[in-house]
Structure formats: structure tokens, C-alpha cells
Amino acid sequence: MIGIPLGLLAANATEWVVHKYVLHGLGKKKKSFWAFHWHEHHGNSRRNGFIDEHYERPLLGWHAQSKEALLIAAATATSIPLLPVAPFFVGTMWYAGINYYRKHKRSHLDPDWARENLTWHYDHHMGPNQDANWCVTHPFFDHVMGTRKPYAFTEREAQTIERKERRAAAKKKRAAKKAKAKAEKAPVPAAA
């Protein structure tokens, strides 16, 4: 039974290490196999307010989500040789892999849920420092390693939201002014 807590610890440590050193460390290099994470997944999340609509597509295909699922399956498969001596550990690692994908997918399809239930992961994508908050399912190793940096529900986030709303309102006002000027310049058709 000790395999269950050990499996949960190992899985969370694996999330932290792989996310920090593989998906970001190697993933920021455009020619890297791991580039999908930084250049596609993070780009989509930042542009779309945490939503990554690519999670709506099926896993069949060669794209960021299928690569993520393959990485999870490969990582959990490494525990199979331990099955005869540590079945609870192996079972927990498989549970953790499935749980990771399920939570990660849901979070990027439902940002409000993520902000409330996976705040640390929301902070990872939407906060000012995307090189922090490495854990997805639980922030335990972020706390242990000192990389948990809160953003959601802070004054800083409120200021960012307010600034974005002001910019959006100003942009809308400029567009309306431009449309009005264009309409005023348009020739008036002659009466027949």
C-alpha cells in the first residue's frame, strides 16, 4: 500500500521535472521535437485566454495533444517492470497519467474551471512568469521547489484584467471613429 503515496509523489515530481526541463527547456527550441508545447500549446493558451481549442480534436493524428498523450503513455509504461514487486505504485502511476491528461484537457477547454480548480496551472499560462508553476494536477512539487508563484485572484491579475478591458474599449472606440469617418467620406448617391 505504500506504493500509492510513493506513486503520487513520483508522478508529481515527474510532472515538475518533465514540464520544466523537457517541455520548456527543450521545447523553446523551434527545431526540437518538444517545441509543440511552447510554440503551439502556450501560444494558443496565451492568445485565447487559456483556451487551447486543439484539445477538441481527436487524439489520432500527429499534433501537440497526441504527442502529449504519447509522452504520458511512455512515461507511465516505464513503471511496468515494477508491477510484480510494486503493483500499487504502478497502478498509481497509471492513474496519475490518465488523471494528468484528463485534468489538463479539461482545464484548457474550461478556463473558469481551471482558474478555480487548477489555479497553479492557470497561473503558469496566464501569469507574467510562464517559467514557474510547473505542476498541473497538484502544486506539491512547486511548493517544495519554490516555484509556486500565485497570480489568479491577486491584485496583479485584477490590474491586468482592468488594463486589458481599457485597451479593448479604446480599440472599439477607435474602430467606431474610423467607421464614422469612412461613412462621412462616402459619396452620397444622386437622387434620380
N, C-alpha and C. Protein backbone atom coordinates (compact mmCIF):
# COMPACT_ATOMS: atom_id res chain seq x y z
N MET A 1 0.81 -1.21 0.00
CA MET A 1 0.00 0.00 0.00
C MET A 1 0.85 1.27 0.00
N ILE A 2 2.09 1.18 0.45
CA ILE A 2 2.97 2.35 0.45
C ILE A 2 3.21 2.83 -0.97
N GLY A 3 2.96 1.95 -1.94
CA GLY A 3 3.13 2.30 -3.35
C GLY A 3 2.21 3.43 -3.80
N ILE A 4 1.05 3.58 -3.15
CA ILE A 4 0.12 4.64 -3.57
C ILE A 4 0.68 6.03 -3.27
N PRO A 5 1.05 6.33 -2.03
CA PRO A 5 1.62 7.67 -1.80
C PRO A 5 2.95 7.87 -2.53
N LEU A 6 3.76 6.80 -2.62
CA LEU A 6 5.02 6.93 -3.37
C LEU A 6 4.76 7.20 -4.85
N GLY A 7 3.74 6.55 -5.40
CA GLY A 7 3.37 6.78 -6.79
C GLY A 7 2.88 8.20 -7.02
N LEU A 8 2.07 8.72 -6.10
CA LEU A 8 1.59 10.10 -6.22
C LEU A 8 2.74 11.09 -6.15
N LEU A 9 3.69 10.85 -5.24
CA LEU A 9 4.87 11.71 -5.14
C LEU A 9 5.72 11.63 -6.41
N ALA A 10 5.95 10.42 -6.89
CA ALA A 10 6.77 10.23 -8.10
C ALA A 10 6.11 10.88 -9.31
N ALA A 11 4.80 10.73 -9.42
CA ALA A 11 4.08 11.31 -10.56
C ALA A 11 4.16 12.83 -10.52
N ASN A 12 3.97 13.43 -9.35
CA ASN A 12 4.02 14.88 -9.24
C ASN A 12 5.42 15.40 -9.50
N ALA A 13 6.43 14.69 -9.02
CA ALA A 13 7.82 15.08 -9.29
C ALA A 13 8.11 14.97 -10.79
N THR A 14 7.58 13.93 -11.43
CA THR A 14 7.77 13.75 -12.87
C THR A 14 7.12 14.90 -13.64
N GLU A 15 5.90 15.28 -13.26
CA GLU A 15 5.24 16.43 -13.89
C GLU A 15 6.16 17.64 -13.84
N TRP A 16 6.69 17.93 -12.67
CA TRP A 16 7.52 19.11 -12.45
C TRP A 16 8.78 19.07 -13.32
N VAL A 17 9.50 17.93 -13.26
CA VAL A 17 10.77 17.80 -13.98
C VAL A 17 10.56 17.83 -15.50
N VAL A 18 9.59 17.05 -16.00
CA VAL A 18 9.36 16.99 -17.44
C VAL A 18 8.87 18.33 -17.97
N HIS A 19 7.97 18.97 -17.25
CA HIS A 19 7.44 20.26 -17.71
C HIS A 19 8.54 21.31 -17.76
N LYS A 20 9.34 21.38 -16.70
CA LYS A 20 10.39 22.40 -16.63
C LYS A 20 11.54 22.14 -17.60
N TYR A 21 12.09 20.94 -17.57
CA TYR A 21 13.32 20.69 -18.31
C TYR A 21 13.13 20.16 -19.74
N VAL A 22 12.03 19.45 -19.98
CA VAL A 22 11.80 18.91 -21.32
C VAL A 22 10.88 19.84 -22.12
N LEU A 23 9.65 20.04 -21.62
CA LEU A 23 8.67 20.80 -22.40
C LEU A 23 9.03 22.28 -22.53
N HIS A 24 9.68 22.84 -21.53
CA HIS A 24 10.12 24.24 -21.65
C HIS A 24 11.60 24.32 -22.00
N GLY A 25 12.43 23.57 -21.29
CA GLY A 25 13.87 23.63 -21.54
C GLY A 25 14.21 23.30 -22.98
N LEU A 26 13.74 22.16 -23.45
CA LEU A 26 13.99 21.77 -24.85
C LEU A 26 12.92 22.33 -25.78
N GLY A 27 11.72 22.50 -25.27
CA GLY A 27 10.58 22.93 -26.09
C GLY A 27 10.66 24.34 -26.63
N LYS A 28 11.47 25.20 -26.03
CA LYS A 28 11.59 26.57 -26.54
C LYS A 28 12.45 26.63 -27.80
N LYS A 29 13.17 25.55 -28.08
CA LYS A 29 13.98 25.48 -29.30
C LYS A 29 13.07 25.04 -30.45
N LYS A 30 12.90 25.89 -31.44
CA LYS A 30 11.92 25.64 -32.52
C LYS A 30 12.11 24.31 -33.25
N LYS A 31 13.32 23.83 -33.36
CA LYS A 31 13.57 22.60 -34.12
C LYS A 31 13.46 21.34 -33.25
N SER A 32 13.20 21.53 -31.98
CA SER A 32 13.09 20.40 -31.06
C SER A 32 11.77 19.66 -31.25
N PHE A 33 11.78 18.35 -31.03
CA PHE A 33 10.55 17.56 -31.04
C PHE A 33 9.56 18.13 -30.04
N TRP A 34 10.06 18.67 -28.94
CA TRP A 34 9.22 19.16 -27.84
C TRP A 34 8.69 20.57 -28.07
N ALA A 35 9.01 21.18 -29.19
CA ALA A 35 8.60 22.56 -29.48
C ALA A 35 7.08 22.72 -29.51
N PHE A 36 6.35 21.64 -29.74
CA PHE A 36 4.89 21.73 -29.77
C PHE A 36 4.33 22.35 -28.49
N HIS A 37 4.97 22.05 -27.38
CA HIS A 37 4.43 22.51 -26.10
C HIS A 37 4.52 24.03 -25.99
N TRP A 38 5.68 24.57 -26.19
CA TRP A 38 5.87 26.01 -26.03
C TRP A 38 5.24 26.79 -27.18
N HIS A 39 5.54 26.38 -28.40
CA HIS A 39 5.17 27.18 -29.56
C HIS A 39 3.70 27.01 -29.97
N GLU A 40 3.11 25.87 -29.73
CA GLU A 40 1.71 25.67 -30.09
C GLU A 40 0.80 25.81 -28.86
N HIS A 41 1.03 24.98 -27.86
CA HIS A 41 0.14 24.95 -26.70
C HIS A 41 0.17 26.27 -25.91
N HIS A 42 1.35 26.76 -25.57
CA HIS A 42 1.42 28.02 -24.83
C HIS A 42 0.95 29.19 -25.68
N GLY A 43 1.27 29.18 -26.95
CA GLY A 43 0.81 30.26 -27.84
C GLY A 43 -0.70 30.32 -27.90
N ASN A 44 -1.34 29.17 -28.10
CA ASN A 44 -2.80 29.12 -28.14
C ASN A 44 -3.40 29.59 -26.83
N SER A 45 -2.86 29.11 -25.73
CA SER A 45 -3.40 29.45 -24.41
C SER A 45 -3.30 30.95 -24.14
N ARG A 46 -2.18 31.55 -24.48
CA ARG A 46 -2.00 32.99 -24.23
C ARG A 46 -2.92 33.82 -25.12
N ARG A 47 -3.02 33.44 -26.39
CA ARG A 47 -3.85 34.20 -27.33
C ARG A 47 -5.34 34.10 -27.02
N ASN A 48 -5.75 32.96 -26.46
CA ASN A 48 -7.18 32.68 -26.32
C ASN A 48 -7.67 32.65 -24.87
N GLY A 49 -7.02 33.37 -23.99
CA GLY A 49 -7.48 33.44 -22.61
C GLY A 49 -7.49 32.10 -21.91
N PHE A 50 -6.46 31.31 -22.12
CA PHE A 50 -6.23 29.99 -21.52
C PHE A 50 -6.84 28.85 -22.34
N ILE A 51 -7.73 29.13 -23.25
CA ILE A 51 -8.34 28.07 -24.06
C ILE A 51 -7.34 27.58 -25.10
N ASP A 52 -7.24 26.27 -25.23
CA ASP A 52 -6.50 25.65 -26.32
C ASP A 52 -7.49 24.75 -27.05
N GLU A 53 -8.09 25.31 -28.09
CA GLU A 53 -9.16 24.61 -28.81
C GLU A 53 -8.68 23.32 -29.48
N HIS A 54 -7.38 23.14 -29.56
CA HIS A 54 -6.87 21.91 -30.16
C HIS A 54 -7.20 20.67 -29.33
N TYR A 55 -7.57 20.86 -28.07
CA TYR A 55 -7.99 19.72 -27.25
C TYR A 55 -9.34 19.17 -27.71
N GLU A 56 -10.03 19.87 -28.60
CA GLU A 56 -11.30 19.38 -29.13
C GLU A 56 -11.10 18.35 -30.24
N ARG A 57 -9.93 18.33 -30.83
CA ARG A 57 -9.67 17.39 -31.92
C ARG A 57 -9.33 16.01 -31.36
N PRO A 58 -9.57 14.95 -32.17
CA PRO A 58 -9.27 13.59 -31.68
C PRO A 58 -7.76 13.38 -31.51
N LEU A 59 -7.42 12.41 -30.68
CA LEU A 59 -6.01 12.11 -30.44
C LEU A 59 -5.32 11.49 -31.64
N LEU A 60 -6.09 10.92 -32.55
CA LEU A 60 -5.49 10.34 -33.75
C LEU A 60 -4.95 11.46 -34.62
N GLY A 61 -3.69 11.39 -34.94
CA GLY A 61 -3.03 12.44 -35.70
C GLY A 61 -1.71 12.75 -35.03
N TRP A 62 -0.91 13.59 -35.65
CA TRP A 62 0.39 13.95 -35.10
C TRP A 62 0.38 15.44 -34.80
N HIS A 63 -0.03 15.78 -33.59
CA HIS A 63 -0.15 17.16 -33.16
C HIS A 63 0.18 17.25 -31.68
N ALA A 64 0.10 18.44 -31.12
CA ALA A 64 0.52 18.66 -29.73
C ALA A 64 -0.17 17.72 -28.75
N GLN A 65 -1.47 17.54 -28.88
CA GLN A 65 -2.19 16.72 -27.91
C GLN A 65 -1.85 15.24 -28.04
N SER A 66 -1.65 14.75 -29.26
CA SER A 66 -1.28 13.34 -29.40
C SER A 66 0.15 13.12 -28.91
N LYS A 67 1.02 14.10 -29.10
CA LYS A 67 2.39 13.99 -28.58
C LYS A 67 2.38 14.00 -27.06
N GLU A 68 1.52 14.83 -26.48
CA GLU A 68 1.39 14.86 -25.02
C GLU A 68 0.91 13.50 -24.50
N ALA A 69 -0.11 12.95 -25.14
CA ALA A 69 -0.65 11.65 -24.72
C ALA A 69 0.41 10.55 -24.88
N LEU A 70 1.18 10.61 -25.95
CA LEU A 70 2.25 9.63 -26.17
C LEU A 70 3.32 9.75 -25.09
N LEU A 71 3.69 10.96 -24.74
CA LEU A 71 4.67 11.19 -23.68
C LEU A 71 4.17 10.62 -22.35
N ILE A 72 2.90 10.85 -22.03
CA ILE A 72 2.32 10.33 -20.79
C ILE A 72 2.33 8.80 -20.79
N ALA A 73 1.92 8.21 -21.92
CA ALA A 73 1.89 6.75 -22.02
C ALA A 73 3.30 6.17 -21.89
N ALA A 74 4.28 6.80 -22.54
CA ALA A 74 5.66 6.32 -22.45
C ALA A 74 6.19 6.44 -21.03
N ALA A 75 5.89 7.56 -20.38
CA ALA A 75 6.37 7.76 -19.00
C ALA A 75 5.75 6.74 -18.05
N THR A 76 4.46 6.48 -18.20
CA THR A 76 3.82 5.50 -17.31
C THR A 76 4.26 4.09 -17.65
N ALA A 77 4.55 3.82 -18.90
CA ALA A 77 5.00 2.48 -19.30
C ALA A 77 6.33 2.11 -18.65
N THR A 78 7.13 3.11 -18.33
CA THR A 78 8.42 2.80 -17.70
C THR A 78 8.24 2.13 -16.33
N SER A 79 7.05 2.25 -15.75
CA SER A 79 6.82 1.64 -14.44
C SER A 79 6.41 0.16 -14.54
N ILE A 80 6.09 -0.34 -15.73
CA ILE A 80 5.59 -1.71 -15.89
C ILE A 80 6.54 -2.77 -15.32
N PRO A 81 7.87 -2.66 -15.50
CA PRO A 81 8.75 -3.70 -14.93
C PRO A 81 8.62 -3.84 -13.41
N LEU A 82 8.11 -2.82 -12.74
CA LEU A 82 7.96 -2.88 -11.28
C LEU A 82 6.65 -3.56 -10.85
N LEU A 83 5.80 -3.93 -11.82
CA LEU A 83 4.49 -4.48 -11.49
C LEU A 83 4.54 -5.68 -10.53
N PRO A 84 5.43 -6.66 -10.72
CA PRO A 84 5.44 -7.81 -9.80
C PRO A 84 5.80 -7.45 -8.35
N VAL A 85 6.60 -6.42 -8.16
CA VAL A 85 7.04 -6.09 -6.79
C VAL A 85 6.34 -4.85 -6.21
N ALA A 86 5.78 -4.02 -7.06
CA ALA A 86 5.14 -2.78 -6.59
C ALA A 86 3.86 -2.50 -7.37
N PRO A 87 2.87 -3.39 -7.28
CA PRO A 87 1.66 -3.21 -8.09
C PRO A 87 0.88 -1.93 -7.75
N PHE A 88 0.87 -1.53 -6.48
CA PHE A 88 0.15 -0.30 -6.12
C PHE A 88 0.84 0.94 -6.68
N PHE A 89 2.17 0.91 -6.68
CA PHE A 89 2.94 2.01 -7.26
C PHE A 89 2.65 2.12 -8.75
N VAL A 90 2.72 1.00 -9.45
CA VAL A 90 2.47 1.00 -10.90
C VAL A 90 1.04 1.45 -11.20
N GLY A 91 0.08 0.92 -10.46
CA GLY A 91 -1.31 1.33 -10.66
C GLY A 91 -1.50 2.82 -10.42
N THR A 92 -0.83 3.34 -9.41
CA THR A 92 -0.94 4.76 -9.11
C THR A 92 -0.30 5.61 -10.20
N MET A 93 0.81 5.14 -10.75
CA MET A 93 1.45 5.87 -11.86
C MET A 93 0.52 5.93 -13.07
N TRP A 94 -0.16 4.82 -13.36
CA TRP A 94 -1.09 4.81 -14.48
C TRP A 94 -2.30 5.71 -14.20
N TYR A 95 -2.81 5.64 -12.97
CA TYR A 95 -3.89 6.55 -12.58
C TYR A 95 -3.44 8.00 -12.77
N ALA A 96 -2.24 8.32 -12.30
CA ALA A 96 -1.73 9.68 -12.37
C ALA A 96 -1.59 10.16 -13.81
N GLY A 97 -1.15 9.27 -14.70
CA GLY A 97 -1.03 9.65 -16.12
C GLY A 97 -2.37 9.98 -16.74
N ILE A 98 -3.36 9.14 -16.48
CA ILE A 98 -4.71 9.38 -17.00
C ILE A 98 -5.30 10.65 -16.38
N ASN A 99 -5.12 10.80 -15.08
CA ASN A 99 -5.63 11.98 -14.37
C ASN A 99 -5.00 13.26 -14.92
N TYR A 100 -3.70 13.21 -15.18
CA TYR A 100 -3.00 14.37 -15.74
C TYR A 100 -3.63 14.79 -17.06
N TYR A 101 -3.76 13.84 -17.98
CA TYR A 101 -4.31 14.21 -19.30
C TYR A 101 -5.74 14.72 -19.17
N ARG A 102 -6.54 14.05 -18.37
CA ARG A 102 -7.94 14.44 -18.20
C ARG A 102 -8.05 15.86 -17.64
N LYS A 103 -7.30 16.15 -16.59
CA LYS A 103 -7.36 17.48 -15.98
C LYS A 103 -6.77 18.55 -16.89
N HIS A 104 -5.67 18.23 -17.55
CA HIS A 104 -5.04 19.21 -18.44
C HIS A 104 -5.97 19.56 -19.59
N LYS A 105 -6.58 18.55 -20.18
CA LYS A 105 -7.52 18.79 -21.28
C LYS A 105 -8.71 19.63 -20.81
N ARG A 106 -9.32 19.22 -19.71
CA ARG A 106 -10.49 19.96 -19.22
C ARG A 106 -10.14 21.41 -18.91
N SER A 107 -8.98 21.61 -18.31
CA SER A 107 -8.59 22.97 -17.93
C SER A 107 -8.50 23.89 -19.15
N HIS A 108 -8.00 23.37 -20.27
CA HIS A 108 -7.83 24.22 -21.46
C HIS A 108 -9.09 24.31 -22.32
N LEU A 109 -10.13 23.58 -21.96
CA LEU A 109 -11.43 23.73 -22.61
C LEU A 109 -12.40 24.51 -21.73
N ASP A 110 -12.09 24.64 -20.45
CA ASP A 110 -12.96 25.32 -19.49
C ASP A 110 -12.10 26.19 -18.56
N PRO A 111 -11.68 27.37 -19.03
CA PRO A 111 -10.79 28.21 -18.24
C PRO A 111 -11.34 28.63 -16.87
N ASP A 112 -12.64 28.82 -16.77
CA ASP A 112 -13.21 29.19 -15.47
C ASP A 112 -13.02 28.06 -14.46
N TRP A 113 -13.23 26.82 -14.92
CA TRP A 113 -13.00 25.66 -14.06
C TRP A 113 -11.53 25.61 -13.65
N ALA A 114 -10.64 25.82 -14.62
CA ALA A 114 -9.20 25.76 -14.34
C ALA A 114 -8.79 26.83 -13.33
N ARG A 115 -9.30 28.04 -13.51
CA ARG A 115 -8.93 29.14 -12.61
C ARG A 115 -9.34 28.82 -11.17
N GLU A 116 -10.46 28.13 -11.01
CA GLU A 116 -10.96 27.76 -9.68
C GLU A 116 -10.30 26.49 -9.13
N ASN A 117 -10.08 25.49 -9.98
CA ASN A 117 -9.66 24.16 -9.52
C ASN A 117 -8.21 23.80 -9.77
N LEU A 118 -7.58 24.41 -10.75
CA LEU A 118 -6.15 24.20 -11.05
C LEU A 118 -5.48 25.56 -11.14
N THR A 119 -5.68 26.35 -10.12
CA THR A 119 -5.20 27.74 -10.13
C THR A 119 -3.73 27.84 -10.49
N TRP A 120 -2.92 26.93 -9.96
CA TRP A 120 -1.47 26.94 -10.22
C TRP A 120 -1.18 26.74 -11.71
N HIS A 121 -1.98 25.92 -12.38
CA HIS A 121 -1.76 25.72 -13.82
C HIS A 121 -2.25 26.93 -14.60
N TYR A 122 -3.36 27.49 -14.19
CA TYR A 122 -3.84 28.74 -14.79
C TYR A 122 -2.76 29.81 -14.64
N ASP A 123 -2.17 29.90 -13.46
CA ASP A 123 -1.10 30.88 -13.22
C ASP A 123 0.09 30.63 -14.15
N HIS A 124 0.38 29.37 -14.42
CA HIS A 124 1.51 29.03 -15.30
C HIS A 124 1.33 29.65 -16.68
N HIS A 125 0.13 29.57 -17.22
CA HIS A 125 -0.13 30.09 -18.57
C HIS A 125 -0.46 31.58 -18.60
N MET A 126 -1.24 32.05 -17.65
CA MET A 126 -1.77 33.40 -17.73
C MET A 126 -0.99 34.41 -16.90
N GLY A 127 -0.19 33.93 -15.97
CA GLY A 127 0.60 34.83 -15.14
C GLY A 127 1.76 35.43 -15.92
N PRO A 128 2.44 36.41 -15.31
CA PRO A 128 3.54 37.07 -16.01
C PRO A 128 4.78 36.20 -16.18
N ASN A 129 4.89 35.12 -15.40
CA ASN A 129 6.07 34.25 -15.46
C ASN A 129 5.65 32.84 -15.86
N GLN A 130 5.85 32.51 -17.13
CA GLN A 130 5.50 31.17 -17.60
C GLN A 130 6.60 30.16 -17.30
N ASP A 131 7.63 30.60 -16.61
CA ASP A 131 8.69 29.69 -16.15
C ASP A 131 8.56 29.48 -14.64
N ALA A 132 7.34 29.23 -14.21
CA ALA A 132 7.02 28.92 -12.81
C ALA A 132 5.75 28.07 -12.83
N ASN A 133 5.35 27.56 -11.68
CA ASN A 133 4.09 26.79 -11.59
C ASN A 133 4.08 25.61 -12.56
N TRP A 134 5.05 24.72 -12.41
CA TRP A 134 5.25 23.63 -13.36
C TRP A 134 4.23 22.49 -13.22
N CYS A 135 3.67 22.31 -12.06
CA CYS A 135 2.76 21.18 -11.84
C CYS A 135 1.38 21.45 -12.45
N VAL A 136 0.71 20.39 -12.85
CA VAL A 136 -0.63 20.52 -13.43
C VAL A 136 -1.68 19.97 -12.47
N THR A 137 -1.51 18.75 -11.98
CA THR A 137 -2.57 18.12 -11.18
C THR A 137 -2.60 18.58 -9.73
N HIS A 138 -1.44 18.92 -9.16
CA HIS A 138 -1.36 19.40 -7.79
C HIS A 138 -0.04 20.15 -7.63
N PRO A 139 -0.02 21.26 -6.91
CA PRO A 139 1.20 22.08 -6.84
C PRO A 139 2.24 21.64 -5.81
N PHE A 140 2.16 20.40 -5.34
CA PHE A 140 3.05 19.97 -4.26
C PHE A 140 4.52 20.25 -4.57
N PHE A 141 5.03 19.77 -5.71
CA PHE A 141 6.45 19.96 -6.01
C PHE A 141 6.79 21.41 -6.35
N ASP A 142 5.82 22.19 -6.80
CA ASP A 142 6.08 23.63 -6.95
C ASP A 142 6.36 24.25 -5.59
N HIS A 143 5.62 23.85 -4.57
CA HIS A 143 5.87 24.36 -3.23
C HIS A 143 7.24 23.87 -2.72
N VAL A 144 7.53 22.59 -2.91
CA VAL A 144 8.80 22.02 -2.46
C VAL A 144 9.98 22.72 -3.13
N MET A 145 9.86 22.97 -4.43
CA MET A 145 10.97 23.53 -5.20
C MET A 145 10.97 25.06 -5.22
N GLY A 146 9.97 25.67 -4.60
CA GLY A 146 9.91 27.14 -4.54
C GLY A 146 9.50 27.80 -5.84
N THR A 147 8.78 27.07 -6.69
CA THR A 147 8.39 27.63 -7.99
C THR A 147 6.90 27.95 -8.08
N ARG A 148 6.20 27.90 -6.97
CA ARG A 148 4.78 28.27 -6.95
C ARG A 148 4.68 29.78 -6.84
N LYS A 149 4.16 30.42 -7.90
CA LYS A 149 4.04 31.87 -7.96
C LYS A 149 2.58 32.23 -8.24
N PRO A 150 1.80 32.56 -7.20
CA PRO A 150 0.38 32.89 -7.39
C PRO A 150 0.16 34.10 -8.30
N TYR A 151 -0.89 34.03 -9.09
CA TYR A 151 -1.28 35.13 -9.97
C TYR A 151 -2.80 35.31 -9.95
N ALA A 152 -3.55 34.25 -10.22
CA ALA A 152 -5.02 34.34 -10.22
C ALA A 152 -5.50 34.78 -8.84
N PHE A 153 -6.51 35.61 -8.83
CA PHE A 153 -7.12 36.11 -7.60
C PHE A 153 -6.19 37.05 -6.82
N THR A 154 -5.19 37.61 -7.50
CA THR A 154 -4.31 38.58 -6.84
C THR A 154 -4.60 39.97 -7.37
N GLU A 155 -4.07 40.97 -6.72
CA GLU A 155 -4.21 42.36 -7.17
C GLU A 155 -3.58 42.54 -8.54
N ARG A 156 -2.47 41.85 -8.76
CA ARG A 156 -1.79 41.95 -10.06
C ARG A 156 -2.68 41.47 -11.20
N GLU A 157 -3.39 40.36 -10.99
CA GLU A 157 -4.30 39.88 -12.02
C GLU A 157 -5.42 40.88 -12.24
N ALA A 158 -5.97 41.43 -11.18
CA ALA A 158 -7.06 42.42 -11.30
C ALA A 158 -6.60 43.62 -12.12
N GLN A 159 -5.37 44.08 -11.89
CA GLN A 159 -4.83 45.20 -12.65
C GLN A 159 -4.67 44.83 -14.13
N THR A 160 -4.21 43.62 -14.39
CA THR A 160 -4.04 43.16 -15.77
C THR A 160 -5.39 43.10 -16.49
N ILE A 161 -6.39 42.56 -15.83
CA ILE A 161 -7.74 42.48 -16.42
C ILE A 161 -8.27 43.88 -16.72
N GLU A 162 -8.11 44.79 -15.77
CA GLU A 162 -8.58 46.16 -15.96
C GLU A 162 -7.87 46.82 -17.14
N ARG A 163 -6.55 46.63 -17.23
CA ARG A 163 -5.78 47.20 -18.34
C ARG A 163 -6.25 46.64 -19.68
N LYS A 164 -6.49 45.34 -19.75
CA LYS A 164 -6.97 44.72 -21.00
C LYS A 164 -8.35 45.25 -21.37
N GLU A 165 -9.21 45.44 -20.39
CA GLU A 165 -10.55 45.98 -20.67
C GLU A 165 -10.47 47.41 -21.19
N ARG A 166 -9.57 48.23 -20.62
CA ARG A 166 -9.39 49.60 -21.11
C ARG A 166 -8.88 49.60 -22.54
N ARG A 167 -7.91 48.73 -22.82
CA ARG A 167 -7.37 48.65 -24.19
C ARG A 167 -8.44 48.21 -25.18
N ALA A 168 -9.25 47.23 -24.79
CA ALA A 168 -10.32 46.74 -25.68
C ALA A 168 -11.34 47.85 -25.93
N ALA A 169 -11.69 48.61 -24.90
CA ALA A 169 -12.65 49.71 -25.06
C ALA A 169 -12.08 50.80 -25.97
N ALA A 170 -10.80 51.12 -25.79
CA ALA A 170 -10.15 52.13 -26.63
C ALA A 170 -10.09 51.66 -28.08
N LYS A 171 -9.80 50.40 -28.28
CA LYS A 171 -9.74 49.84 -29.63
C LYS A 171 -11.11 49.90 -30.30
N LYS A 172 -12.14 49.57 -29.54
CA LYS A 172 -13.51 49.62 -30.07
C LYS A 172 -13.89 51.05 -30.42
N LYS A 173 -13.50 52.00 -29.59
CA LYS A 173 -13.80 53.41 -29.82
C LYS A 173 -13.10 53.91 -31.08
N ARG A 174 -11.81 53.52 -31.26
CA ARG A 174 -11.07 53.90 -32.46
C ARG A 174 -11.70 53.32 -33.72
N ALA A 175 -12.15 52.07 -33.63
CA ALA A 175 -12.78 51.42 -34.79
C ALA A 175 -14.09 52.13 -35.15
N ALA A 176 -14.87 52.51 -34.14
CA ALA A 176 -16.14 53.21 -34.39
C ALA A 176 -15.87 54.58 -35.01
N LYS A 177 -14.86 55.27 -34.53
CA LYS A 177 -14.49 56.58 -35.06
C LYS A 177 -14.03 56.46 -36.51
N LYS A 178 -13.27 55.44 -36.79
CA LYS A 178 -12.76 55.19 -38.15
C LYS A 178 -13.92 54.87 -39.09
N ALA A 179 -14.86 54.05 -38.62
CA ALA A 179 -16.02 53.69 -39.44
C ALA A 179 -16.88 54.92 -39.71
N LYS A 180 -17.05 55.78 -38.73
CA LYS A 180 -17.84 57.00 -38.89
C LYS A 180 -17.19 57.93 -39.91
N ALA A 181 -15.85 58.09 -39.81
CA ALA A 181 -15.12 58.94 -40.76
C ALA A 181 -15.23 58.39 -42.17
N LYS A 182 -15.17 57.09 -42.29
CA LYS A 182 -15.28 56.46 -43.61
C LYS A 182 -16.67 56.68 -44.19
N ALA A 183 -17.69 56.58 -43.34
CA ALA A 183 -19.07 56.78 -43.80
C ALA A 183 -19.31 58.22 -44.23
N GLU A 184 -18.68 59.18 -43.54
CA GLU A 184 -18.83 60.59 -43.88
C GLU A 184 -18.16 60.93 -45.20
N LYS A 185 -17.08 60.19 -45.54
CA LYS A 185 -16.35 60.43 -46.78
C LYS A 185 -17.01 59.78 -47.98
N ALA A 186 -17.87 58.82 -47.73
CA ALA A 186 -18.51 58.08 -48.83
C ALA A 186 -19.39 59.02 -49.63
N PRO A 187 -19.33 58.91 -50.96
CA PRO A 187 -20.18 59.79 -51.79
C PRO A 187 -21.66 59.48 -51.60
N VAL A 188 -22.44 60.52 -51.60
CA VAL A 188 -23.90 60.38 -51.46
C VAL A 188 -24.46 60.15 -52.86
N PRO A 189 -25.25 59.08 -53.05
CA PRO A 189 -25.79 58.81 -54.38
C PRO A 189 -26.77 59.93 -54.80
N ALA A 190 -26.71 60.28 -56.06
CA ALA A 190 -27.59 61.33 -56.59
C ALA A 190 -29.03 60.83 -56.68
N ALA A 191 -29.96 61.73 -56.40
CA ALA A 191 -31.39 61.35 -56.47
C ALA A 191 -31.79 61.23 -57.93
N ALA A 192 -32.61 60.29 -58.24
CA ALA A 192 -33.00 60.06 -59.63
C ALA A 192 -34.20 60.86 -60.03
